[in-house]
Protein backbone atom coordinates (compact mmCIF):
# COMPACT_ATOMS: atom_id res chain seq x y z
CA MET A 1 37.76 -16.02 22.66
CA SER A 2 41.06 -14.66 21.34
CA ASN A 3 42.57 -15.76 18.18
CA PHE A 4 45.90 -17.66 17.88
CA ALA A 5 47.93 -14.62 16.84
CA GLU A 6 46.72 -12.60 19.80
CA ILE A 7 47.66 -15.36 22.23
CA LEU A 8 51.15 -15.65 20.79
CA ARG A 9 51.58 -11.85 20.92
CA ALA A 10 50.43 -11.81 24.58
CA ARG A 11 52.87 -14.62 25.44
CA LYS A 12 55.69 -12.58 23.75
CA VAL A 13 54.66 -9.33 25.58
CA LEU A 14 54.70 -11.11 28.94
CA GLY A 15 57.82 -13.11 28.20
CA LEU A 16 56.22 -16.43 28.93
CA GLY A 17 57.71 -19.81 28.23
CA ASP A 18 56.13 -22.79 26.39
CA ARG A 19 54.08 -24.00 29.35
CA ILE A 20 52.44 -21.91 32.06
CA SER A 21 50.05 -22.15 34.91
CA LEU A 22 47.60 -19.48 36.06
CA LYS A 23 49.85 -18.95 39.09
CA THR A 24 52.97 -18.48 36.86
CA LEU A 25 51.04 -16.03 34.66
CA ARG A 26 49.90 -14.06 37.74
CA GLU A 27 53.39 -13.92 39.22
CA ARG A 28 54.89 -12.76 35.87
CA TYR A 29 52.23 -10.00 35.51
CA ILE A 30 52.81 -8.72 39.07
CA LEU A 31 56.59 -8.63 38.43
CA LEU A 32 56.18 -6.68 35.19
CA ALA A 33 53.49 -4.39 36.54
CA LYS A 34 55.62 -3.38 39.53
CA ARG A 35 58.52 -2.74 37.20
CA LEU A 36 56.50 -0.65 34.77
CA HIS A 37 54.06 1.15 37.05
CA PRO A 38 54.55 5.00 36.91
CA ASP A 39 54.51 5.34 40.64
CA ALA A 40 57.28 2.70 41.14
CA ALA A 41 59.31 3.09 38.04
CA SER A 42 61.87 5.74 37.28
CA PRO A 43 60.31 8.87 35.76
CA ALA A 44 59.49 8.38 32.10
CA VAL A 45 61.64 10.34 29.66
CA ASP A 46 59.05 10.34 26.92
CA GLY A 47 55.97 8.81 28.67
CA ASP A 48 56.52 5.26 27.40
CA GLU A 49 55.76 3.59 30.76
CA ALA A 50 51.99 4.10 30.67
CA PRO A 51 51.48 2.45 27.25
CA ALA A 52 53.87 -0.36 28.19
CA LEU A 53 51.86 -1.03 31.39
CA ALA A 54 48.60 -0.87 29.47
CA GLU A 55 50.06 -3.42 26.92
CA ILE A 56 51.15 -5.70 29.72
CA THR A 57 47.76 -5.50 31.40
CA HIS A 58 45.94 -6.21 28.15
CA ALA A 59 48.21 -9.20 27.44
CA TYR A 60 47.61 -10.51 31.01
CA GLN A 61 43.83 -10.13 30.71
CA LEU A 62 43.87 -11.97 27.30
CA MET A 63 45.87 -14.82 28.75
CA VAL A 64 43.64 -15.20 31.86
CA SER A 65 40.62 -15.26 29.64
CA TYR A 66 42.24 -17.92 27.46
CA LEU A 67 43.27 -20.09 30.41
CA GLU A 68 39.83 -19.87 31.98
CA ASN A 69 38.27 -21.21 28.78
CA VAL A 70 40.72 -23.85 27.65
CA SER A 71 40.04 -27.48 28.58
CA ILE A 72 42.77 -29.72 29.96
CA SER A 73 43.33 -33.46 29.63
CA LEU A 74 43.06 -35.55 32.76
CA THR A 75 44.30 -38.81 31.12
CA ASP A 76 46.95 -40.86 32.97
CA ASP A 77 49.53 -39.90 30.39
CA ASP A 78 48.87 -36.18 30.57
CA LEU A 79 48.72 -36.08 34.33
CA ARG A 80 52.06 -37.98 34.53
CA LYS A 81 53.58 -35.32 32.29
CA GLN A 82 52.29 -32.54 34.53
CA ASP A 83 53.81 -34.00 37.73
CA PRO A 84 55.90 -37.11 37.18
CA GLN A 85 56.88 -37.48 40.86
CA ALA A 86 53.29 -37.35 42.12
CA PHE A 87 52.15 -39.76 39.50
CA HIS A 88 54.98 -42.19 40.33
CA ALA A 89 54.08 -41.99 44.11
CA TYR A 90 50.46 -42.63 43.29
CA ARG A 91 51.34 -45.64 41.08
CA PHE A 92 53.85 -47.00 43.64
CA ASN A 93 51.45 -46.61 46.47
CA ASP A 94 48.79 -48.47 44.42
CA TRP A 95 51.27 -51.28 43.72
CA MET A 96 52.09 -51.55 47.40
CA GLY A 97 48.48 -52.04 48.24
CA GLY A 98 48.02 -48.55 49.69
CA LYS A 99 50.70 -48.98 52.30
CA SER A 100 53.12 -46.09 52.81
């Protein structure tokens, strides 16, 4: 497992916000990789694209590993924070006796 400083650095390298999902992480990596890939990017003046792509890939792999090993809370409060509309619909449906 990576240490806290490595996770923060990977977050910065990938330009991630405070909260992410695995899907968001994957989408961000694909965007950056396409932009930095030597075959798709403009020719390197001093060869900086390859190290940048390697750094992005390392940061992505680190974050995937972290997300695969972190536990998440499934309490009512935390689920409500993740998707307030779905939680409200669930609670309202329960209040209505399961009628839509």
